[in-house]
Amino acid sequence: KALRKLKDNTGNYIWNPSVQVGVPDTILNRPYKTSSYVPEIKAGNKCIAFGDFSYYWVADRQGRSFKRLNELFAMTGQVGFLASQRLDGKLILPEAIKTLTIKKA
């Protein structure tokens, strides 16, 4: 809701609704994604990241590990599995993504 009120330097809204079925809404003519993990919009928070996320690399640091849990589910005749994987991520080109920090009121 707050994003729809933002304007660029020429006074145009940066958020544009889609006018075709199957075409996403855009910010500055680029499709966007939302996340429930983004900090709330208040002073000092970085609440928007915009740019080319192809420069954010995710690396697999170890292989996957699986553990079979026979005893935990034995009473119900089921078998459980526990899987884990260690990952890492890094922004390779810092200029590719910029964040919006909310100013203090």
PDB file of N, CA and C in Angstrom:
ATOM      1  N   LYS A   1       0.822  -1.190   0.000  1.00  0.00           N
ATOM      2  CA  LYS A   1       0.000   0.000   0.000  1.00  0.00           C
ATOM      3  C   LYS A   1       0.866   1.255   0.000  1.00  0.00           C
ATOM      4  N   ALA A   2       1.903   1.267   0.853  1.00  0.00           N
ATOM      5  CA  ALA A   2       2.774   2.441   0.923  1.00  0.00           C
ATOM      6  C   ALA A   2       3.580   2.608  -0.359  1.00  0.00           C
ATOM      7  N   LEU A   3       3.968   1.507  -0.987  1.00  0.00           N
ATOM      8  CA  LEU A   3       4.756   1.561  -2.212  1.00  0.00           C
ATOM      9  C   LEU A   3       3.976   2.212  -3.356  1.00  0.00           C
ATOM     10  N   ARG A   4       2.699   2.024  -3.367  1.00  0.00           N
ATOM     11  CA  ARG A   4       1.874   2.590  -4.445  1.00  0.00           C
ATOM     12  C   ARG A   4       1.817   4.114  -4.392  1.00  0.00           C
ATOM     13  N   LYS A   5       2.211   4.715  -3.282  1.00  0.00           N
ATOM     14  CA  LYS A   5       2.174   6.177  -3.135  1.00  0.00           C
ATOM     15  C   LYS A   5       3.482   6.849  -3.535  1.00  0.00           C
ATOM     16  N   LEU A   6       4.564   6.072  -3.739  1.00  0.00           N
ATOM     17  CA  LEU A   6       5.862   6.655  -4.076  1.00  0.00           C
ATOM     18  C   LEU A   6       5.888   7.155  -5.512  1.00  0.00           C
ATOM     19  N   LYS A   7       6.568   8.295  -5.707  1.00  0.00           N
ATOM     20  CA  LYS A   7       6.683   8.885  -7.042  1.00  0.00           C
ATOM     21  C   LYS A   7       8.157   9.102  -7.377  1.00  0.00           C
ATOM     22  N   ASP A   8       8.455   9.153  -8.690  1.00  0.00           N
ATOM     23  CA  ASP A   8       9.819   9.440  -9.121  1.00  0.00           C
ATOM     24  C   ASP A   8      10.024  10.949  -9.200  1.00  0.00           C
ATOM     25  N   ASN A   9      11.158  11.384  -9.749  1.00  0.00           N
ATOM     26  CA  ASN A   9      11.485  12.818  -9.813  1.00  0.00           C
ATOM     27  C   ASN A   9      10.567  13.617 -10.721  1.00  0.00           C
ATOM     28  N   THR A  10       9.907  12.941 -11.666  1.00  0.00           N
ATOM     29  CA  THR A  10       9.009  13.648 -12.589  1.00  0.00           C
ATOM     30  C   THR A  10       7.564  13.653 -12.104  1.00  0.00           C
ATOM     31  N   GLY A  11       7.304  13.054 -10.941  1.00  0.00           N
ATOM     32  CA  GLY A  11       5.952  13.044 -10.386  1.00  0.00           C
ATOM     33  C   GLY A  11       5.118  11.843 -10.775  1.00  0.00           C
ATOM     34  N   ASN A  12       5.688  10.904 -11.506  1.00  0.00           N
ATOM     35  CA  ASN A  12       4.966   9.689 -11.887  1.00  0.00           C
ATOM     36  C   ASN A  12       5.115   8.634 -10.798  1.00  0.00           C
ATOM     37  N   TYR A  13       4.065   7.859 -10.595  1.00  0.00           N
ATOM     38  CA  TYR A  13       4.126   6.775  -9.621  1.00  0.00           C
ATOM     39  C   TYR A  13       5.091   5.705 -10.110  1.00  0.00           C
ATOM     40  N   ILE A  14       5.907   5.154  -9.200  1.00  0.00           N
ATOM     41  CA  ILE A  14       6.865   4.126  -9.615  1.00  0.00           C
ATOM     42  C   ILE A  14       6.198   2.761  -9.757  1.00  0.00           C
ATOM     43  N   TRP A  15       5.068   2.547  -9.079  1.00  0.00           N
ATOM     44  CA  TRP A  15       4.345   1.290  -9.179  1.00  0.00           C
ATOM     45  C   TRP A  15       3.291   1.428 -10.261  1.00  0.00           C
ATOM     46  N   ASN A  16       3.245   0.454 -11.168  1.00  0.00           N
ATOM     47  CA  ASN A  16       2.255   0.458 -12.252  1.00  0.00           C
ATOM     48  C   ASN A  16       1.456  -0.831 -12.227  1.00  0.00           C
ATOM     49  N   PRO A  17       0.133  -0.736 -12.170  1.00  0.00           N
ATOM     50  CA  PRO A  17      -0.680  -1.952 -12.214  1.00  0.00           C
ATOM     51  C   PRO A  17      -0.666  -2.558 -13.609  1.00  0.00           C
ATOM     52  N   SER A  18      -0.860  -3.856 -13.660  1.00  0.00           N
ATOM     53  CA  SER A  18      -0.913  -4.553 -14.939  1.00  0.00           C
ATOM     54  C   SER A  18      -2.258  -4.299 -15.615  1.00  0.00           C
ATOM     55  N   VAL A  19      -2.233  -4.206 -16.921  1.00  0.00           N
ATOM     56  CA  VAL A  19      -3.471  -4.033 -17.679  1.00  0.00           C
ATOM     57  C   VAL A  19      -3.795  -5.266 -18.513  1.00  0.00           C
ATOM     58  N   GLN A  20      -2.944  -6.305 -18.435  1.00  0.00           N
ATOM     59  CA  GLN A  20      -3.160  -7.537 -19.174  1.00  0.00           C
ATOM     60  C   GLN A  20      -3.157  -8.717 -18.215  1.00  0.00           C
ATOM     61  N   VAL A  21      -3.975  -9.699 -18.525  1.00  0.00           N
ATOM     62  CA  VAL A  21      -4.013 -10.917 -17.722  1.00  0.00           C
ATOM     63  C   VAL A  21      -2.703 -11.677 -17.901  1.00  0.00           C
ATOM     64  N   GLY A  22      -2.114 -12.132 -16.815  1.00  0.00           N
ATOM     65  CA  GLY A  22      -0.879 -12.895 -16.873  1.00  0.00           C
ATOM     66  C   GLY A  22       0.381 -12.051 -16.857  1.00  0.00           C
ATOM     67  N   VAL A  23       0.258 -10.734 -16.925  1.00  0.00           N
ATOM     68  CA  VAL A  23       1.410  -9.839 -16.864  1.00  0.00           C
ATOM     69  C   VAL A  23       1.439  -9.232 -15.464  1.00  0.00           C
ATOM     70  N   PRO A  24       2.582  -9.330 -14.751  1.00  0.00           N
ATOM     71  CA  PRO A  24       2.627  -8.851 -13.369  1.00  0.00           C
ATOM     72  C   PRO A  24       2.643  -7.331 -13.259  1.00  0.00           C
ATOM     73  N   ASP A  25       2.261  -6.824 -12.091  1.00  0.00           N
ATOM     74  CA  ASP A  25       2.424  -5.410 -11.798  1.00  0.00           C
ATOM     75  C   ASP A  25       3.926  -5.113 -11.801  1.00  0.00           C
ATOM     76  N   THR A  26       4.313  -3.843 -11.992  1.00  0.00           N
ATOM     77  CA  THR A  26       5.729  -3.515 -12.079  1.00  0.00           C
ATOM     78  C   THR A  26       6.094  -2.322 -11.204  1.00  0.00           C
ATOM     79  N   ILE A  27       7.365  -2.254 -10.874  1.00  0.00           N
ATOM     80  CA  ILE A  27       7.964  -1.083 -10.249  1.00  0.00           C
ATOM     81  C   ILE A  27       9.041  -0.613 -11.208  1.00  0.00           C
ATOM     82  N   LEU A  28       8.918   0.623 -11.685  1.00  0.00           N
ATOM     83  CA  LEU A  28       9.839   1.158 -12.690  1.00  0.00           C
ATOM     84  C   LEU A  28       9.981   0.205 -13.874  1.00  0.00           C
ATOM     85  N   ASN A  29       8.848  -0.326 -14.311  1.00  0.00           N
ATOM     86  CA  ASN A  29       8.740  -1.224 -15.467  1.00  0.00           C
ATOM     87  C   ASN A  29       9.451  -2.563 -15.295  1.00  0.00           C
ATOM     88  N   ARG A  30       9.669  -2.983 -14.070  1.00  0.00           N
ATOM     89  CA  ARG A  30      10.255  -4.298 -13.799  1.00  0.00           C
ATOM     90  C   ARG A  30       9.342  -5.061 -12.847  1.00  0.00           C
ATOM     91  N   PRO A  31       9.144  -6.364 -13.084  1.00  0.00           N
ATOM     92  CA  PRO A  31       8.310  -7.148 -12.164  1.00  0.00           C
ATOM     93  C   PRO A  31       8.968  -7.206 -10.785  1.00  0.00           C
ATOM     94  N   TYR A  32       8.158  -7.420  -9.748  1.00  0.00           N
ATOM     95  CA  TYR A  32       8.699  -7.444  -8.389  1.00  0.00           C
ATOM     96  C   TYR A  32       8.140  -8.602  -7.592  1.00  0.00           C
ATOM     97  N   LYS A  33       8.808  -8.909  -6.491  1.00  0.00           N
ATOM     98  CA  LYS A  33       8.400  -9.957  -5.550  1.00  0.00           C
ATOM     99  C   LYS A  33       8.243  -9.326  -4.182  1.00  0.00           C
ATOM    100  N   THR A  34       7.374  -9.878  -3.367  1.00  0.00           N
ATOM    101  CA  THR A  34       7.209  -9.415  -1.998  1.00  0.00           C
ATOM    102  C   THR A  34       7.601 -10.533  -1.037  1.00  0.00           C
ATOM    103  N   SER A  35       7.899 -10.150   0.191  1.00  0.00           N
ATOM    104  CA  SER A  35       8.295 -11.124   1.197  1.00  0.00           C
ATOM    105  C   SER A  35       7.741 -10.702   2.552  1.00  0.00           C
ATOM    106  N   SER A  36       7.317 -11.671   3.329  1.00  0.00           N
ATOM    107  CA  SER A  36       6.824 -11.377   4.671  1.00  0.00           C
ATOM    108  C   SER A  36       7.980 -11.153   5.643  1.00  0.00           C
ATOM    109  N   TYR A  37       9.222 -11.373   5.209  1.00  0.00           N
ATOM    110  CA  TYR A  37      10.392 -11.199   6.063  1.00  0.00           C
ATOM    111  C   TYR A  37      11.010  -9.807   5.974  1.00  0.00           C
ATOM    112  N   VAL A  38      10.482  -8.958   5.127  1.00  0.00           N
ATOM    113  CA  VAL A  38      10.996  -7.592   4.997  1.00  0.00           C
ATOM    114  C   VAL A  38      10.608  -6.802   6.245  1.00  0.00           C
ATOM    115  N   PRO A  39      11.524  -5.978   6.766  1.00  0.00           N
ATOM    116  CA  PRO A  39      11.182  -5.175   7.943  1.00  0.00           C
ATOM    117  C   PRO A  39      10.018  -4.232   7.658  1.00  0.00           C
ATOM    118  N   GLU A  40       9.292  -3.873   8.703  1.00  0.00           N
ATOM    119  CA  GLU A  40       8.160  -2.967   8.524  1.00  0.00           C
ATOM    120  C   GLU A  40       8.656  -1.576   8.142  1.00  0.00           C
ATOM    121  N   ILE A  41       7.764  -0.791   7.542  1.00  0.00           N
ATOM    122  CA  ILE A  41       8.129   0.538   7.072  1.00  0.00           C
ATOM    123  C   ILE A  41       8.117   1.495   8.254  1.00  0.00           C
ATOM    124  N   LYS A  42       9.318   1.786   8.762  1.00  0.00           N
ATOM    125  CA  LYS A  42       9.472   2.796   9.808  1.00  0.00           C
ATOM    126  C   LYS A  42      10.888   3.340   9.734  1.00  0.00           C
ATOM    127  N   ALA A  43      11.132   4.457  10.391  1.00  0.00           N
ATOM    128  CA  ALA A  43      12.406   5.167  10.290  1.00  0.00           C
ATOM    129  C   ALA A  43      13.592   4.272  10.575  1.00  0.00           C
ATOM    130  N   GLY A  44      14.587   4.330   9.685  1.00  0.00           N
ATOM    131  CA  GLY A  44      15.825   3.580   9.851  1.00  0.00           C
ATOM    132  C   GLY A  44      15.842   2.198   9.234  1.00  0.00           C
ATOM    133  N   ASN A  45      14.690   1.648   8.879  1.00  0.00           N
ATOM    134  CA  ASN A  45      14.626   0.307   8.293  1.00  0.00           C
ATOM    135  C   ASN A  45      14.880   0.334   6.796  1.00  0.00           C
ATOM    136  N   LYS A  46      15.559  -0.700   6.293  1.00  0.00           N
ATOM    137  CA  LYS A  46      15.719  -0.901   4.857  1.00  0.00           C
ATOM    138  C   LYS A  46      14.597  -1.834   4.434  1.00  0.00           C
ATOM    139  N   CYS A  47      13.589  -1.292   3.761  1.00  0.00           N
ATOM    140  CA  CYS A  47      12.398  -2.090   3.489  1.00  0.00           C
ATOM    141  C   CYS A  47      12.215  -2.451   2.015  1.00  0.00           C
ATOM    142  N   ILE A  48      13.049  -1.914   1.122  1.00  0.00           N
ATOM    143  CA  ILE A  48      12.949  -2.251  -0.299  1.00  0.00           C
ATOM    144  C   ILE A  48      14.356  -2.475  -0.847  1.00  0.00           C
ATOM    145  N   ALA A  49      14.546  -3.558  -1.572  1.00  0.00           N
ATOM    146  CA  ALA A  49      15.786  -3.810  -2.301  1.00  0.00           C
ATOM    147  C   ALA A  49      15.416  -3.887  -3.777  1.00  0.00           C
ATOM    148  N   PHE A  50      16.113  -3.120  -4.615  1.00  0.00           N
ATOM    149  CA  PHE A  50      15.785  -3.042  -6.034  1.00  0.00           C
ATOM    150  C   PHE A  50      17.057  -3.177  -6.853  1.00  0.00           C
ATOM    151  N   GLY A  51      17.010  -3.975  -7.898  1.00  0.00           N
ATOM    152  CA  GLY A  51      18.155  -4.103  -8.779  1.00  0.00           C
ATOM    153  C   GLY A  51      18.186  -5.430  -9.500  1.00  0.00           C
ATOM    154  N   ASP A  52      19.366  -5.805  -9.928  1.00  0.00           N
ATOM    155  CA  ASP A  52      19.579  -7.029 -10.692  1.00  0.00           C
ATOM    156  C   ASP A  52      20.069  -8.127  -9.741  1.00  0.00           C
ATOM    157  N   PHE A  53      19.165  -8.994  -9.315  1.00  0.00           N
ATOM    158  CA  PHE A  53      19.497 -10.030  -8.337  1.00  0.00           C
ATOM    159  C   PHE A  53      20.259 -11.202  -8.947  1.00  0.00           C
ATOM    160  N   SER A  54      20.557 -11.153 -10.237  1.00  0.00           N
ATOM    161  CA  SER A  54      21.393 -12.205 -10.819  1.00  0.00           C
ATOM    162  C   SER A  54      22.828 -12.115 -10.293  1.00  0.00           C
ATOM    163  N   TYR A  55      23.186 -10.985  -9.695  1.00  0.00           N
ATOM    164  CA  TYR A  55      24.511 -10.829  -9.102  1.00  0.00           C
ATOM    165  C   TYR A  55      24.552 -11.275  -7.648  1.00  0.00           C
ATOM    166  N   TYR A  56      23.454 -11.788  -7.132  1.00  0.00           N
ATOM    167  CA  TYR A  56      23.454 -12.381  -5.796  1.00  0.00           C
ATOM    168  C   TYR A  56      23.577 -13.885  -5.985  1.00  0.00           C
ATOM    169  N   TRP A  57      24.697 -14.423  -5.588  1.00  0.00           N
ATOM    170  CA  TRP A  57      24.977 -15.842  -5.804  1.00  0.00           C
ATOM    171  C   TRP A  57      24.711 -16.636  -4.539  1.00  0.00           C
ATOM    172  N   VAL A  58      24.107 -17.803  -4.714  1.00  0.00           N
ATOM    173  CA  VAL A  58      23.868 -18.735  -3.617  1.00  0.00           C
ATOM    174  C   VAL A  58      24.752 -19.951  -3.860  1.00  0.00           C
ATOM    175  N   ALA A  59      25.515 -20.327  -2.834  1.00  0.00           N
ATOM    176  CA  ALA A  59      26.453 -21.441  -2.973  1.00  0.00           C
ATOM    177  C   ALA A  59      26.097 -22.562  -2.009  1.00  0.00           C
ATOM    178  N   ASP A  60      26.277 -23.776  -2.470  1.00  0.00           N
ATOM    179  CA  ASP A  60      26.076 -24.961  -1.644  1.00  0.00           C
ATOM    180  C   ASP A  60      27.388 -25.249  -0.927  1.00  0.00           C
ATOM    181  N   ARG A  61      27.404 -25.080   0.387  1.00  0.00           N
ATOM    182  CA  ARG A  61      28.639 -25.238   1.158  1.00  0.00           C
ATOM    183  C   ARG A  61      28.926 -26.684   1.553  1.00  0.00           C
ATOM    184  N   GLN A  62      27.934 -27.493   1.652  1.00  0.00           N
ATOM    185  CA  GLN A  62      28.108 -28.906   1.978  1.00  0.00           C
ATOM    186  C   GLN A  62      27.032 -29.677   1.243  1.00  0.00           C
ATOM    187  N   GLY A  63      27.231 -30.960   1.161  1.00  0.00           N
ATOM    188  CA  GLY A  63      26.186 -31.794   0.587  1.00  0.00           C
ATOM    189  C   GLY A  63      24.998 -31.886   1.537  1.00  0.00           C
ATOM    190  N   ARG A  64      23.928 -32.398   1.051  1.00  0.00           N
ATOM    191  CA  ARG A  64      22.744 -32.588   1.885  1.00  0.00           C
ATOM    192  C   ARG A  64      22.946 -33.788   2.805  1.00  0.00           C
ATOM    193  N   SER A  65      22.351 -33.722   3.977  1.00  0.00           N
ATOM    194  CA  SER A  65      22.396 -34.875   4.868  1.00  0.00           C
ATOM    195  C   SER A  65      20.966 -35.276   5.215  1.00  0.00           C
ATOM    196  N   PHE A  66      20.724 -36.567   5.245  1.00  0.00           N
ATOM    197  CA  PHE A  66      19.416 -37.115   5.561  1.00  0.00           C
ATOM    198  C   PHE A  66      19.543 -38.060   6.741  1.00  0.00           C
ATOM    199  N   LYS A  67      18.574 -38.001   7.619  1.00  0.00           N
ATOM    200  CA  LYS A  67      18.558 -38.891   8.766  1.00  0.00           C
ATOM    201  C   LYS A  67      17.182 -39.538   8.844  1.00  0.00           C
ATOM    202  N   ARG A  68      17.159 -40.841   8.938  1.00  0.00           N
ATOM    203  CA  ARG A  68      15.902 -41.590   9.033  1.00  0.00           C
ATOM    204  C   ARG A  68      15.495 -41.697  10.500  1.00  0.00           C
ATOM    205  N   LEU A  69      14.259 -41.341  10.802  1.00  0.00           N
ATOM    206  CA  LEU A  69      13.754 -41.324  12.172  1.00  0.00           C
ATOM    207  C   LEU A  69      12.749 -42.464  12.358  1.00  0.00           C
ATOM    208  N   ASN A  70      13.242 -43.664  12.644  1.00  0.00           N
ATOM    209  CA  ASN A  70      12.375 -44.829  12.816  1.00  0.00           C
ATOM    210  C   ASN A  70      11.636 -44.810  14.150  1.00  0.00           C
ATOM    211  N   GLU A  71      12.369 -44.558  15.220  1.00  0.00           N
ATOM    212  CA  GLU A  71      11.810 -44.693  16.558  1.00  0.00           C
ATOM    213  C   GLU A  71      10.771 -43.619  16.875  1.00  0.00           C
ATOM    214  N   LEU A  72      10.967 -42.420  16.378  1.00  0.00           N
ATOM    215  CA  LEU A  72      10.072 -41.312  16.695  1.00  0.00           C
ATOM    216  C   LEU A  72       8.640 -41.571  16.225  1.00  0.00           C
ATOM    217  N   PHE A  73       8.483 -42.226  15.099  1.00  0.00           N
ATOM    218  CA  PHE A  73       7.164 -42.465  14.531  1.00  0.00           C
ATOM    219  C   PHE A  73       6.747 -43.939  14.604  1.00  0.00           C
ATOM    220  N   ALA A  74       7.413 -44.738  15.400  1.00  0.00           N
ATOM    221  CA  ALA A  74       7.154 -46.183  15.469  1.00  0.00           C
ATOM    222  C   ALA A  74       5.745 -46.504  15.954  1.00  0.00           C
ATOM    223  N   MET A  75       5.211 -45.715  16.865  1.00  0.00           N
ATOM    224  CA  MET A  75       3.878 -45.990  17.421  1.00  0.00           C
ATOM    225  C   MET A  75       2.774 -45.881  16.366  1.00  0.00           C
ATOM    226  N   THR A  76       2.981 -45.059  15.360  1.00  0.00           N
ATOM    227  CA  THR A  76       1.965 -44.872  14.321  1.00  0.00           C
ATOM    228  C   THR A  76       2.285 -45.635  13.047  1.00  0.00           C
ATOM    229  N   GLY A  77       3.400 -46.392  13.046  1.00  0.00           N
ATOM    230  CA  GLY A  77       3.759 -47.166  11.857  1.00  0.00           C
ATOM    231  C   GLY A  77       4.314 -46.311  10.730  1.00  0.00           C
ATOM    232  N   GLN A  78       4.806 -45.133  11.059  1.00  0.00           N
ATOM    233  CA  GLN A  78       5.352 -44.236  10.043  1.00  0.00           C
ATOM    234  C   GLN A  78       6.865 -44.128  10.181  1.00  0.00           C
ATOM    235  N   VAL A  79       7.490 -43.591   9.154  1.00  0.00           N
ATOM    236  CA  VAL A  79       8.925 -43.321   9.170  1.00  0.00           C
ATOM    237  C   VAL A  79       9.101 -41.850   8.825  1.00  0.00           C
ATOM    238  N   GLY A  80       9.917 -41.163   9.625  1.00  0.00           N
ATOM    239  CA  GLY A  80      10.183 -39.745   9.371  1.00  0.00           C
ATOM    240  C   GLY A  80      11.584 -39.550   8.834  1.00  0.00           C
ATOM    241  N   PHE A  81      11.797 -38.441   8.168  1.00  0.00           N
ATOM    242  CA  PHE A  81      13.121 -38.102   7.649  1.00  0.00           C
ATOM    243  C   PHE A  81      13.444 -36.676   8.036  1.00  0.00           C
ATOM    244  N   LEU A  82      14.695 -36.448   8.381  1.00  0.00           N
ATOM    245  CA  LEU A  82      15.192 -35.121   8.710  1.00  0.00           C
ATOM    246  C   LEU A  82      16.291 -34.799   7.707  1.00  0.00           C
ATOM    247  N   ALA A  83      16.122 -33.705   6.997  1.00  0.00           N
ATOM    248  CA  ALA A  83      17.109 -33.314   5.992  1.00  0.00           C
ATOM    249  C   ALA A  83      17.664 -31.945   6.337  1.00  0.00           C
ATOM    250  N   SER A  84      18.950 -31.735   6.039  1.00  0.00           N
ATOM    251  CA  SER A  84      19.554 -30.426   6.248  1.00  0.00           C
ATOM    252  C   SER A  84      20.569 -30.163   5.144  1.00  0.00           C
ATOM    253  N   GLN A  85      20.781 -28.868   4.908  1.00  0.00           N
ATOM    254  CA  GLN A  85      21.721 -28.450   3.885  1.00  0.00           C
ATOM    255  C   GLN A  85      22.290 -27.103   4.303  1.00  0.00           C
ATOM    256  N   ARG A  86      23.577 -26.893   4.121  1.00  0.00           N
ATOM    257  CA  ARG A  86      24.226 -25.643   4.485  1.00  0.00           C
ATOM    258  C   ARG A  86      24.469 -24.832   3.220  1.00  0.00           C
ATOM    259  N   LEU A  87      23.929 -23.608   3.200  1.00  0.00           N
ATOM    260  CA  LEU A  87      24.052 -22.722   2.045  1.00  0.00           C
ATOM    261  C   LEU A  87      24.695 -21.412   2.469  1.00  0.00           C
ATOM    262  N   ASP A  88      25.164 -20.658   1.486  1.00  0.00           N
ATOM    263  CA  ASP A  88      25.721 -19.346   1.728  1.00  0.00           C
ATOM    264  C   ASP A  88      25.339 -18.459   0.554  1.00  0.00           C
ATOM    265  N   GLY A  89      25.323 -17.156   0.754  1.00  0.00           N
ATOM    266  CA  GLY A  89      24.998 -16.234  -0.315  1.00  0.00           C
ATOM    267  C   GLY A  89      25.846 -14.985  -0.237  1.00  0.00           C
ATOM    268  N   LYS A  90      26.112 -14.369  -1.397  1.00  0.00           N
ATOM    269  CA  LYS A  90      26.921 -13.160  -1.426  1.00  0.00           C
ATOM    270  C   LYS A  90      26.543 -12.322  -2.638  1.00  0.00           C
ATOM    271  N   LEU A  91      26.495 -11.016  -2.431  1.00  0.00           N
ATOM    272  CA  LEU A  91      26.269 -10.084  -3.526  1.00  0.00           C
ATOM    273  C   LEU A  91      27.610  -9.823  -4.203  1.00  0.00           C
ATOM    274  N   ILE A  92      27.776 -10.298  -5.427  1.00  0.00           N
ATOM    275  CA  ILE A  92      29.046 -10.228  -6.134  1.00  0.00           C
ATOM    276  C   ILE A  92      29.334  -8.812  -6.641  1.00  0.00           C
ATOM    277  N   LEU A  93      28.321  -8.103  -7.090  1.00  0.00           N
ATOM    278  CA  LEU A  93      28.486  -6.745  -7.602  1.00  0.00           C
ATOM    279  C   LEU A  93      27.602  -5.818  -6.759  1.00  0.00           C
ATOM    280  N   PRO A  94      28.180  -5.129  -5.776  1.00  0.00           N
ATOM    281  CA  PRO A  94      27.368  -4.306  -4.862  1.00  0.00           C
ATOM    282  C   PRO A  94      26.538  -3.229  -5.553  1.00  0.00           C
ATOM    283  N   GLU A  95      26.965  -2.754  -6.715  1.00  0.00           N
ATOM    284  CA  GLU A  95      26.223  -1.718  -7.428  1.00  0.00           C
ATOM    285  C   GLU A  95      24.941  -2.245  -8.066  1.00  0.00           C
ATOM    286  N   ALA A  96      24.792  -3.553  -8.123  1.00  0.00           N
ATOM    287  CA  ALA A  96      23.653  -4.154  -8.811  1.00  0.00           C
ATOM    288  C   ALA A  96      22.351  -4.017  -8.025  1.00  0.00           C
ATOM    289  N   ILE A  97      22.432  -3.883  -6.712  1.00  0.00           N
ATOM    290  CA  ILE A  97      21.231  -3.812  -5.875  1.00  0.00           C
ATOM    291  C   ILE A  97      21.346  -2.631  -4.927  1.00  0.00           C
ATOM    292  N   LYS A  98      20.306  -1.837  -4.864  1.00  0.00           N
ATOM    293  CA  LYS A  98      20.235  -0.710  -3.934  1.00  0.00           C
ATOM    294  C   LYS A  98      19.065  -0.913  -3.004  1.00  0.00           C
ATOM    295  N   THR A  99      19.206  -0.427  -1.783  1.00  0.00           N
ATOM    296  CA  THR A  99      18.131  -0.544  -0.810  1.00  0.00           C
ATOM    297  C   THR A  99      17.573   0.836  -0.471  1.00  0.00           C
ATOM    298  N   LEU A 100      16.307   0.857  -0.107  1.00  0.00           N
ATOM    299  CA  LEU A 100      15.638   2.087   0.302  1.00  0.00           C
ATOM    300  C   LEU A 100      15.569   2.104   1.824  1.00  0.00           C
ATOM    301  N   THR A 101      16.231   3.092   2.411  1.00  0.00           N
ATOM    302  CA  THR A 101      16.185   3.271   3.864  1.00  0.00           C
ATOM    303  C   THR A 101      15.205   4.388   4.164  1.00  0.00           C
ATOM    304  N   ILE A 102      14.259   4.112   5.047  1.00  0.00           N
ATOM    305  CA  ILE A 102      13.240   5.097   5.403  1.00  0.00           C
ATOM    306  C   ILE A 102      13.867   6.173   6.288  1.00  0.00           C
ATOM    307  N   LYS A 103      13.659   7.420   5.897  1.00  0.00           N
ATOM    308  CA  LYS A 103      14.188   8.539   6.682  1.00  0.00           C
ATOM    309  C   LYS A 103      13.351   8.748   7.939  1.00  0.00           C
ATOM    310  N   LYS A 104      13.959   9.391   8.898  1.00  0.00           N
ATOM    311  CA  LYS A 104      13.239   9.718  10.124  1.00  0.00           C
ATOM    312  C   LYS A 104      12.268  10.856   9.852  1.00  0.00           C
ATOM    313  N   ALA A 105      11.133  10.793  10.517  1.00  0.00           N
ATOM    314  CA  ALA A 105      10.086  11.819  10.282  1.00  0.00           C
ATOM    315  C   ALA A 105      10.427  13.142  10.910  1.00  0.00           C
TER     316      ALA A 105
END
